[in-house]
Amino acid sequence: MNSKIKRSVVLAVVVSLTAAVSFAQSPGKATYEHRCLACHGADGMASNGIGKVMKIRPVTDPAVKRYSRAEMIDLTRDGVGKMQAYKGDLTDQQIKDSVNYFRSFMK
């Protein structure tokens, strides 16, 4: 009986640590998936229906690549073109994290 309890505790710790490490690797992923994915797509390529209809440039477009991290943060916070402003809806940290996640598709 004692070994079953030990195994259960070890398993619970491993599962908890795995979840924590996964979350720590991409803090902006959840925000991106909730707020950005519908238009920008799962990979930033805007190849989904809404992205195509709205003619959103993919993350690989040279015009998108020219934006600095700071410029993307400003555009996300203040809105641009058809994209709504997220100031007030998201914290500054959530905006920074989601921009960092989006920029990870550039690599």
C-alpha atoms as a PDB file:
ATOM      1  CA  MET A   1       0.000   0.000   0.000  1.00  0.00           C
ATOM      2  CA  ASN A   2       2.809   2.387   0.850  1.00  0.00           C
ATOM      3  CA  SER A   3       4.429   1.955  -2.562  1.00  0.00           C
ATOM      4  CA  LYS A   4       1.118   2.787  -4.286  1.00  0.00           C
ATOM      5  CA  ILE A   5       0.888   6.056  -2.397  1.00  0.00           C
ATOM      6  CA  LYS A   6       4.515   6.904  -3.233  1.00  0.00           C
ATOM      7  CA  ARG A   7       3.941   6.175  -6.922  1.00  0.00           C
ATOM      8  CA  SER A   8       0.799   8.298  -6.928  1.00  0.00           C
ATOM      9  CA  VAL A   9       2.615  11.215  -5.301  1.00  0.00           C
ATOM     10  CA  VAL A  10       5.548  10.925  -7.705  1.00  0.00           C
ATOM     11  CA  LEU A  11       3.183  10.777 -10.666  1.00  0.00           C
ATOM     12  CA  ALA A  12       1.293  13.851  -9.443  1.00  0.00           C
ATOM     13  CA  VAL A  13       4.544  15.784  -9.030  1.00  0.00           C
ATOM     14  CA  VAL A  14       5.768  14.800 -12.506  1.00  0.00           C
ATOM     15  CA  VAL A  15       2.479  15.813 -14.111  1.00  0.00           C
ATOM     16  CA  SER A  16       2.490  19.144 -12.257  1.00  0.00           C
ATOM     17  CA  LEU A  17       6.074  19.912 -13.256  1.00  0.00           C
ATOM     18  CA  THR A  18       5.422  18.977 -16.871  1.00  0.00           C
ATOM     19  CA  ALA A  19       2.443  21.314 -17.009  1.00  0.00           C
ATOM     20  CA  ALA A  20       4.439  24.126 -15.383  1.00  0.00           C
ATOM     21  CA  VAL A  21       7.341  23.728 -17.803  1.00  0.00           C
ATOM     22  CA  SER A  22       5.006  23.695 -20.811  1.00  0.00           C
ATOM     23  CA  PHE A  23       3.307  26.875 -19.646  1.00  0.00           C
ATOM     24  CA  ALA A  24       6.619  28.574 -18.887  1.00  0.00           C
ATOM     25  CA  GLN A  25       7.913  27.924 -22.397  1.00  0.00           C
ATOM     26  CA  SER A  26       5.327  30.066 -24.138  1.00  0.00           C
ATOM     27  CA  PRO A  27       3.446  32.462 -21.864  1.00  0.00           C
ATOM     28  CA  GLY A  28       1.856  34.277 -24.804  1.00  0.00           C
ATOM     29  CA  LYS A  29       0.460  31.165 -26.454  1.00  0.00           C
ATOM     30  CA  ALA A  30      -2.824  31.111 -24.524  1.00  0.00           C
ATOM     31  CA  THR A  31      -3.480  34.798 -25.180  1.00  0.00           C
ATOM     32  CA  TYR A  32      -2.555  34.414 -28.846  1.00  0.00           C
ATOM     33  CA  GLU A  33      -4.848  31.409 -29.239  1.00  0.00           C
ATOM     34  CA  HIS A  34      -7.726  33.226 -27.555  1.00  0.00           C
ATOM     35  CA  ARG A  35      -7.363  36.660 -29.178  1.00  0.00           C
ATOM     36  CA  CYS A  36      -5.228  36.390 -32.330  1.00  0.00           C
ATOM     37  CA  LEU A  37      -5.550  32.932 -33.834  1.00  0.00           C
ATOM     38  CA  ALA A  38      -8.911  33.515 -35.534  1.00  0.00           C
ATOM     39  CA  CYS A  39      -7.384  36.093 -37.884  1.00  0.00           C
ATOM     40  CA  HIS A  40      -3.647  35.381 -37.854  1.00  0.00           C
ATOM     41  CA  GLY A  41      -3.901  31.579 -37.865  1.00  0.00           C
ATOM     42  CA  ALA A  42      -2.265  28.943 -35.702  1.00  0.00           C
ATOM     43  CA  ASP A  43       1.106  29.525 -37.355  1.00  0.00           C
ATOM     44  CA  GLY A  44       0.897  33.250 -38.115  1.00  0.00           C
ATOM     45  CA  MET A  45       0.334  32.602 -41.818  1.00  0.00           C
ATOM     46  CA  ALA A  46      -3.244  34.011 -41.862  1.00  0.00           C
ATOM     47  CA  SER A  47      -4.176  31.170 -44.200  1.00  0.00           C
ATOM     48  CA  ASN A  48      -7.496  30.476 -42.498  1.00  0.00           C
ATOM     49  CA  GLY A  49     -10.845  31.802 -43.741  1.00  0.00           C
ATOM     50  CA  ILE A  50     -10.906  35.074 -41.819  1.00  0.00           C
ATOM     51  CA  GLY A  51      -7.255  35.778 -42.555  1.00  0.00           C
ATOM     52  CA  LYS A  52      -7.828  35.322 -46.287  1.00  0.00           C
ATOM     53  CA  VAL A  53     -11.044  37.352 -46.379  1.00  0.00           C
ATOM     54  CA  MET A  54      -9.463  40.236 -44.468  1.00  0.00           C
ATOM     55  CA  LYS A  55      -6.265  39.948 -46.551  1.00  0.00           C
ATOM     56  CA  ILE A  56      -4.063  39.773 -43.467  1.00  0.00           C
ATOM     57  CA  ARG A  57      -0.379  39.554 -44.265  1.00  0.00           C
ATOM     58  CA  PRO A  58       1.380  36.413 -43.074  1.00  0.00           C
ATOM     59  CA  VAL A  59       4.191  36.563 -40.551  1.00  0.00           C
ATOM     60  CA  THR A  60       6.634  35.802 -43.392  1.00  0.00           C
ATOM     61  CA  ASP A  61       5.647  38.908 -45.387  1.00  0.00           C
ATOM     62  CA  PRO A  62       8.593  41.353 -45.619  1.00  0.00           C
ATOM     63  CA  ALA A  63       6.338  44.234 -44.514  1.00  0.00           C
ATOM     64  CA  VAL A  64       5.478  42.342 -41.328  1.00  0.00           C
ATOM     65  CA  LYS A  65       9.095  41.319 -40.723  1.00  0.00           C
ATOM     66  CA  ARG A  66      10.166  44.972 -40.861  1.00  0.00           C
ATOM     67  CA  TYR A  67       8.203  45.779 -37.709  1.00  0.00           C
ATOM     68  CA  SER A  68      10.282  45.792 -34.565  1.00  0.00           C
ATOM     69  CA  ARG A  69       9.046  44.055 -31.439  1.00  0.00           C
ATOM     70  CA  ALA A  70       8.221  47.467 -29.910  1.00  0.00           C
ATOM     71  CA  GLU A  71       6.257  48.525 -33.005  1.00  0.00           C
ATOM     72  CA  MET A  72       4.239  45.303 -32.937  1.00  0.00           C
ATOM     73  CA  ILE A  73       3.461  45.852 -29.269  1.00  0.00           C
ATOM     74  CA  ASP A  74       2.256  49.390 -30.047  1.00  0.00           C
ATOM     75  CA  LEU A  75       0.136  48.183 -32.991  1.00  0.00           C
ATOM     76  CA  THR A  76      -1.429  45.456 -30.882  1.00  0.00           C
ATOM     77  CA  ARG A  77      -2.120  47.820 -28.013  1.00  0.00           C
ATOM     78  CA  ASP A  78      -3.489  50.667 -30.152  1.00  0.00           C
ATOM     79  CA  GLY A  79      -4.929  48.731 -33.099  1.00  0.00           C
ATOM     80  CA  VAL A  80      -4.157  49.160 -36.784  1.00  0.00           C
ATOM     81  CA  GLY A  81      -6.287  48.925 -39.905  1.00  0.00           C
ATOM     82  CA  LYS A  82      -9.024  46.362 -39.269  1.00  0.00           C
ATOM     83  CA  MET A  83      -7.362  45.059 -36.118  1.00  0.00           C
ATOM     84  CA  GLN A  84      -8.953  46.258 -32.917  1.00  0.00           C
ATOM     85  CA  ALA A  85      -6.977  47.871 -30.119  1.00  0.00           C
ATOM     86  CA  TYR A  86      -6.327  45.569 -27.169  1.00  0.00           C
ATOM     87  CA  LYS A  87      -5.469  48.328 -24.687  1.00  0.00           C
ATOM     88  CA  GLY A  88      -7.823  47.818 -21.773  1.00  0.00           C
ATOM     89  CA  ASP A  89      -8.723  44.263 -22.846  1.00  0.00           C
ATOM     90  CA  LEU A  90      -5.256  42.820 -22.274  1.00  0.00           C
ATOM     91  CA  THR A  91      -2.538  43.758 -19.823  1.00  0.00           C
ATOM     92  CA  ASP A  92       0.726  45.168 -21.147  1.00  0.00           C
ATOM     93  CA  GLN A  93       2.388  41.869 -20.236  1.00  0.00           C
ATOM     94  CA  GLN A  94      -0.208  39.821 -22.132  1.00  0.00           C
ATOM     95  CA  ILE A  95       0.322  42.010 -25.194  1.00  0.00           C
ATOM     96  CA  LYS A  96       4.106  41.646 -24.967  1.00  0.00           C
ATOM     97  CA  ASP A  97       3.853  37.886 -24.490  1.00  0.00           C
ATOM     98  CA  SER A  98       1.442  37.404 -27.398  1.00  0.00           C
ATOM     99  CA  VAL A  99       3.658  39.528 -29.678  1.00  0.00           C
ATOM    100  CA  ASN A 100       6.676  37.466 -28.644  1.00  0.00           C
ATOM    101  CA  TYR A 101       4.734  34.290 -29.413  1.00  0.00           C
ATOM    102  CA  PHE A 102       3.688  35.665 -32.824  1.00  0.00           C
ATOM    103  CA  ARG A 103       7.264  36.688 -33.578  1.00  0.00           C
ATOM    104  CA  SER A 104       8.428  33.147 -32.812  1.00  0.00           C
ATOM    105  CA  PHE A 105       6.740  32.115 -36.100  1.00  0.00           C
ATOM    106  CA  MET A 106       9.211  34.307 -38.000  1.00  0.00           C
ATOM    107  CA  LYS A 107      12.064  31.915 -37.314  1.00  0.00           C
END
